[in-house]
Amino acid sequence: MEVFAVTIFMSLAFAVLFAVLFFAERSQRRDRSIEQDALLPLDDGAPAPSRRQTPLS
């Protein structure tokens, strides 16, 4: 029976740890979307091309 108590305790501890880390990560990155995070491994460090600007005159 002690094994069940330890198993339940560890499961709850991991669940709380996951929830804390998940919400901490979500609060830090409000300016990025999931798609941008998924493309980070492909980033070569080059700046994004600027948008085409139309003349004001």
PDB file of N, CA and C in Angstrom:
ATOM      1  N   MET A   1       0.814  -1.194   0.000  1.00  0.00           N
ATOM      2  CA  MET A   1       0.000   0.000   0.000  1.00  0.00           C
ATOM      3  C   MET A   1       0.857   1.258   0.000  1.00  0.00           C
ATOM      4  N   GLU A   2       2.068   1.173   0.546  1.00  0.00           N
ATOM      5  CA  GLU A   2       2.937   2.345   0.545  1.00  0.00           C
ATOM      6  C   GLU A   2       3.340   2.741  -0.865  1.00  0.00           C
ATOM      7  N   VAL A   3       3.420   1.746  -1.737  1.00  0.00           N
ATOM      8  CA  VAL A   3       3.791   2.033  -3.123  1.00  0.00           C
ATOM      9  C   VAL A   3       2.728   2.903  -3.779  1.00  0.00           C
ATOM     10  N   PHE A   4       1.452   2.643  -3.520  1.00  0.00           N
ATOM     11  CA  PHE A   4       0.377   3.442  -4.093  1.00  0.00           C
ATOM     12  C   PHE A   4       0.437   4.883  -3.580  1.00  0.00           C
ATOM     13  N   ALA A   5       0.725   5.063  -2.327  1.00  0.00           N
ATOM     14  CA  ALA A   5       0.815   6.408  -1.763  1.00  0.00           C
ATOM     15  C   ALA A   5       1.967   7.185  -2.393  1.00  0.00           C
ATOM     16  N   VAL A   6       3.107   6.529  -2.544  1.00  0.00           N
ATOM     17  CA  VAL A   6       4.256   7.195  -3.165  1.00  0.00           C
ATOM     18  C   VAL A   6       3.966   7.502  -4.628  1.00  0.00           C
ATOM     19  N   THR A   7       3.326   6.581  -5.328  1.00  0.00           N
ATOM     20  CA  THR A   7       3.002   6.787  -6.733  1.00  0.00           C
ATOM     21  C   THR A   7       2.031   7.952  -6.913  1.00  0.00           C
ATOM     22  N   ILE A   8       1.017   8.012  -6.099  1.00  0.00           N
ATOM     23  CA  ILE A   8       0.048   9.107  -6.183  1.00  0.00           C
ATOM     24  C   ILE A   8       0.717  10.434  -5.820  1.00  0.00           C
ATOM     25  N   PHE A   9       1.536  10.437  -4.785  1.00  0.00           N
ATOM     26  CA  PHE A   9       2.243  11.655  -4.396  1.00  0.00           C
ATOM     27  C   PHE A   9       3.152  12.155  -5.511  1.00  0.00           C
ATOM     28  N   MET A  10       3.923  11.267  -6.115  1.00  0.00           N
ATOM     29  CA  MET A  10       4.831  11.669  -7.193  1.00  0.00           C
ATOM     30  C   MET A  10       4.060  12.134  -8.419  1.00  0.00           C
ATOM     31  N   SER A  11       2.950  11.492  -8.733  1.00  0.00           N
ATOM     32  CA  SER A  11       2.132  11.915  -9.869  1.00  0.00           C
ATOM     33  C   SER A  11       1.576  13.313  -9.654  1.00  0.00           C
ATOM     34  N   LEU A  12       1.090  13.580  -8.458  1.00  0.00           N
ATOM     35  CA  LEU A  12       0.584  14.918  -8.162  1.00  0.00           C
ATOM     36  C   LEU A  12       1.704  15.957  -8.166  1.00  0.00           C
ATOM     37  N   ALA A  13       2.866  15.586  -7.669  1.00  0.00           N
ATOM     38  CA  ALA A  13       3.997  16.519  -7.671  1.00  0.00           C
ATOM     39  C   ALA A  13       4.419  16.865  -9.102  1.00  0.00           C
ATOM     40  N   PHE A  14       4.471  15.871  -9.973  1.00  0.00           N
ATOM     41  CA  PHE A  14       4.818  16.129 -11.369  1.00  0.00           C
ATOM     42  C   PHE A  14       3.740  16.954 -12.069  1.00  0.00           C
ATOM     43  N   ALA A  15       2.485  16.706 -11.767  1.00  0.00           N
ATOM     44  CA  ALA A  15       1.399  17.477 -12.371  1.00  0.00           C
ATOM     45  C   ALA A  15       1.463  18.939 -11.948  1.00  0.00           C
ATOM     46  N   VAL A  16       1.732  19.183 -10.682  1.00  0.00           N
ATOM     47  CA  VAL A  16       1.837  20.573 -10.203  1.00  0.00           C
ATOM     48  C   VAL A  16       3.065  21.239 -10.817  1.00  0.00           C
ATOM     49  N   LEU A  17       4.181  20.535 -10.879  1.00  0.00           N
ATOM     50  CA  LEU A  17       5.386  21.082 -11.489  1.00  0.00           C
ATOM     51  C   LEU A  17       5.147  21.428 -12.952  1.00  0.00           C
ATOM     52  N   PHE A  18       4.495  20.544 -13.685  1.00  0.00           N
ATOM     53  CA  PHE A  18       4.185  20.808 -15.083  1.00  0.00           C
ATOM     54  C   PHE A  18       3.306  22.040 -15.221  1.00  0.00           C
ATOM     55  N   ALA A  19       2.279  22.147 -14.406  1.00  0.00           N
ATOM     56  CA  ALA A  19       1.369  23.291 -14.489  1.00  0.00           C
ATOM     57  C   ALA A  19       2.097  24.602 -14.191  1.00  0.00           C
ATOM     58  N   VAL A  20       2.950  24.599 -13.177  1.00  0.00           N
ATOM     59  CA  VAL A  20       3.699  25.823 -12.826  1.00  0.00           C
ATOM     60  C   VAL A  20       4.627  26.221 -13.964  1.00  0.00           C
ATOM     61  N   LEU A  21       5.368  25.283 -14.504  1.00  0.00           N
ATOM     62  CA  LEU A  21       6.287  25.595 -15.590  1.00  0.00           C
ATOM     63  C   LEU A  21       5.545  26.004 -16.860  1.00  0.00           C
ATOM     64  N   PHE A  22       4.406  25.376 -17.129  1.00  0.00           N
ATOM     65  CA  PHE A  22       3.612  25.719 -18.306  1.00  0.00           C
ATOM     66  C   PHE A  22       3.123  27.158 -18.222  1.00  0.00           C
ATOM     67  N   PHE A  23       2.549  27.542 -17.098  1.00  0.00           N
ATOM     68  CA  PHE A  23       2.023  28.896 -16.973  1.00  0.00           C
ATOM     69  C   PHE A  23       3.145  29.935 -16.897  1.00  0.00           C
ATOM     70  N   ALA A  24       4.298  29.565 -16.365  1.00  0.00           N
ATOM     71  CA  ALA A  24       5.437  30.483 -16.363  1.00  0.00           C
ATOM     72  C   ALA A  24       5.917  30.738 -17.786  1.00  0.00           C
ATOM     73  N   GLU A  25       5.967  29.703 -18.588  1.00  0.00           N
ATOM     74  CA  GLU A  25       6.378  29.865 -19.989  1.00  0.00           C
ATOM     75  C   GLU A  25       5.359  30.679 -20.768  1.00  0.00           C
ATOM     76  N   ARG A  26       4.092  30.443 -20.533  1.00  0.00           N
ATOM     77  CA  ARG A  26       3.044  31.198 -21.235  1.00  0.00           C
ATOM     78  C   ARG A  26       3.069  32.670 -20.871  1.00  0.00           C
ATOM     79  N   SER A  27       3.394  32.993 -19.638  1.00  0.00           N
ATOM     80  CA  SER A  27       3.397  34.397 -19.232  1.00  0.00           C
ATOM     81  C   SER A  27       4.620  35.135 -19.773  1.00  0.00           C
ATOM     82  N   GLN A  28       5.700  34.435 -20.084  1.00  0.00           N
ATOM     83  CA  GLN A  28       6.906  35.085 -20.586  1.00  0.00           C
ATOM     84  C   GLN A  28       6.817  35.413 -22.062  1.00  0.00           C
ATOM     85  N   ARG A  29       6.126  34.641 -22.842  1.00  0.00           N
ATOM     86  CA  ARG A  29       6.124  34.814 -24.300  1.00  0.00           C
ATOM     87  C   ARG A  29       4.745  35.184 -24.806  1.00  0.00           C
ATOM     88  N   ARG A  30       4.335  36.384 -24.537  1.00  0.00           N
ATOM     89  CA  ARG A  30       3.036  36.859 -25.029  1.00  0.00           C
ATOM     90  C   ARG A  30       3.115  37.362 -26.458  1.00  0.00           C
ATOM     91  N   ASP A  31       4.298  37.761 -26.922  1.00  0.00           N
ATOM     92  CA  ASP A  31       4.433  38.365 -28.237  1.00  0.00           C
ATOM     93  C   ASP A  31       4.668  37.355 -29.354  1.00  0.00           C
ATOM     94  N   ARG A  32       4.789  36.100 -29.033  1.00  0.00           N
ATOM     95  CA  ARG A  32       5.045  35.082 -30.055  1.00  0.00           C
ATOM     96  C   ARG A  32       3.870  34.125 -30.172  1.00  0.00           C
ATOM     97  N   SER A  33       3.721  33.590 -31.353  1.00  0.00           N
ATOM     98  CA  SER A  33       2.673  32.602 -31.565  1.00  0.00           C
ATOM     99  C   SER A  33       3.298  31.210 -31.605  1.00  0.00           C
ATOM    100  N   ILE A  34       2.460  30.213 -31.596  1.00  0.00           N
ATOM    101  CA  ILE A  34       2.943  28.830 -31.642  1.00  0.00           C
ATOM    102  C   ILE A  34       3.692  28.560 -32.939  1.00  0.00           C
ATOM    103  N   GLU A  35       3.218  29.165 -34.030  1.00  0.00           N
ATOM    104  CA  GLU A  35       3.865  28.965 -35.318  1.00  0.00           C
ATOM    105  C   GLU A  35       5.284  29.537 -35.320  1.00  0.00           C
ATOM    106  N   GLN A  36       5.474  30.698 -34.699  1.00  0.00           N
ATOM    107  CA  GLN A  36       6.808  31.282 -34.637  1.00  0.00           C
ATOM    108  C   GLN A  36       7.733  30.428 -33.780  1.00  0.00           C
ATOM    109  N   ASP A  37       7.235  29.906 -32.685  1.00  0.00           N
ATOM    110  CA  ASP A  37       8.053  29.038 -31.841  1.00  0.00           C
ATOM    111  C   ASP A  37       8.431  27.755 -32.569  1.00  0.00           C
ATOM    112  N   ALA A  38       7.529  27.231 -33.387  1.00  0.00           N
ATOM    113  CA  ALA A  38       7.810  25.995 -34.112  1.00  0.00           C
ATOM    114  C   ALA A  38       8.887  26.199 -35.170  1.00  0.00           C
ATOM    115  N   LEU A  39       9.004  27.415 -35.697  1.00  0.00           N
ATOM    116  CA  LEU A  39       9.981  27.687 -36.739  1.00  0.00           C
ATOM    117  C   LEU A  39      11.346  28.121 -36.200  1.00  0.00           C
ATOM    118  N   LEU A  40      11.493  28.265 -34.905  1.00  0.00           N
ATOM    119  CA  LEU A  40      12.763  28.702 -34.328  1.00  0.00           C
ATOM    120  C   LEU A  40      13.944  27.797 -34.687  1.00  0.00           C
ATOM    121  N   PRO A  41      13.808  26.475 -34.745  1.00  0.00           N
ATOM    122  CA  PRO A  41      14.969  25.653 -35.121  1.00  0.00           C
ATOM    123  C   PRO A  41      15.462  25.924 -36.538  1.00  0.00           C
ATOM    124  N   LEU A  42      14.628  26.486 -37.405  1.00  0.00           N
ATOM    125  CA  LEU A  42      15.016  26.765 -38.783  1.00  0.00           C
ATOM    126  C   LEU A  42      15.592  28.164 -38.949  1.00  0.00           C
ATOM    127  N   ASP A  43      15.616  28.957 -37.910  1.00  0.00           N
ATOM    128  CA  ASP A  43      16.084  30.335 -37.985  1.00  0.00           C
ATOM    129  C   ASP A  43      17.597  30.360 -38.162  1.00  0.00           C
ATOM    130  N   ASP A  44      18.053  31.041 -39.218  1.00  0.00           N
ATOM    131  CA  ASP A  44      19.487  31.129 -39.460  1.00  0.00           C
ATOM    132  C   ASP A  44      20.071  32.451 -38.989  1.00  0.00           C
ATOM    133  N   GLY A  45      19.264  33.284 -38.370  1.00  0.00           N
ATOM    134  CA  GLY A  45      19.749  34.540 -37.825  1.00  0.00           C
ATOM    135  C   GLY A  45      19.673  35.705 -38.784  1.00  0.00           C
ATOM    136  N   ALA A  46      19.295  35.478 -40.023  1.00  0.00           N
ATOM    137  CA  ALA A  46      19.181  36.561 -40.998  1.00  0.00           C
ATOM    138  C   ALA A  46      17.931  37.387 -40.711  1.00  0.00           C
ATOM    139  N   PRO A  47      18.021  38.710 -40.854  1.00  0.00           N
ATOM    140  CA  PRO A  47      16.833  39.539 -40.604  1.00  0.00           C
ATOM    141  C   PRO A  47      15.765  39.309 -41.673  1.00  0.00           C
ATOM    142  N   ALA A  48      14.545  39.521 -41.274  1.00  0.00           N
ATOM    143  CA  ALA A  48      13.426  39.350 -42.206  1.00  0.00           C
ATOM    144  C   ALA A  48      13.465  40.462 -43.243  1.00  0.00           C
ATOM    145  N   PRO A  49      13.090  40.161 -44.503  1.00  0.00           N
ATOM    146  CA  PRO A  49      13.077  41.217 -45.518  1.00  0.00           C
ATOM    147  C   PRO A  49      12.034  42.275 -45.178  1.00  0.00           C
ATOM    148  N   SER A  50      12.382  43.530 -45.477  1.00  0.00           N
ATOM    149  CA  SER A  50      11.452  44.607 -45.163  1.00  0.00           C
ATOM    150  C   SER A  50      10.306  44.615 -46.160  1.00  0.00           C
ATOM    151  N   ARG A  51       9.189  45.180 -45.727  1.00  0.00           N
ATOM    152  CA  ARG A  51       8.020  45.266 -46.607  1.00  0.00           C
ATOM    153  C   ARG A  51       8.257  46.310 -47.684  1.00  0.00           C
ATOM    154  N   ARG A  52       7.608  46.109 -48.803  1.00  0.00           N
ATOM    155  CA  ARG A  52       7.719  47.062 -49.895  1.00  0.00           C
ATOM    156  C   ARG A  52       6.976  48.336 -49.518  1.00  0.00           C
ATOM    157  N   GLN A  53       7.654  49.459 -49.619  1.00  0.00           N
ATOM    158  CA  GLN A  53       7.036  50.719 -49.248  1.00  0.00           C
ATOM    159  C   GLN A  53       6.638  51.486 -50.498  1.00  0.00           C
ATOM    160  N   THR A  54       5.489  52.144 -50.440  1.00  0.00           N
ATOM    161  CA  THR A  54       5.028  52.971 -51.552  1.00  0.00           C
ATOM    162  C   THR A  54       5.449  54.404 -51.302  1.00  0.00           C
ATOM    163  N   PRO A  55       5.779  55.136 -52.355  1.00  0.00           N
ATOM    164  CA  PRO A  55       6.179  56.541 -52.172  1.00  0.00           C
ATOM    165  C   PRO A  55       5.013  57.378 -51.658  1.00  0.00           C
ATOM    166  N   LEU A  56       5.348  58.361 -50.843  1.00  0.00           N
ATOM    167  CA  LEU A  56       4.314  59.210 -50.258  1.00  0.00           C
ATOM    168  C   LEU A  56       3.860  60.305 -51.219  1.00  0.00           C
ATOM    169  N   SER A  57       4.656  60.676 -52.220  1.00  0.00           N
ATOM    170  CA  SER A  57       4.271  61.753 -53.115  1.00  0.00           C
ATOM    171  C   SER A  57       3.482  61.278 -54.313  1.00  0.00           C
TER     172      SER A  57
END
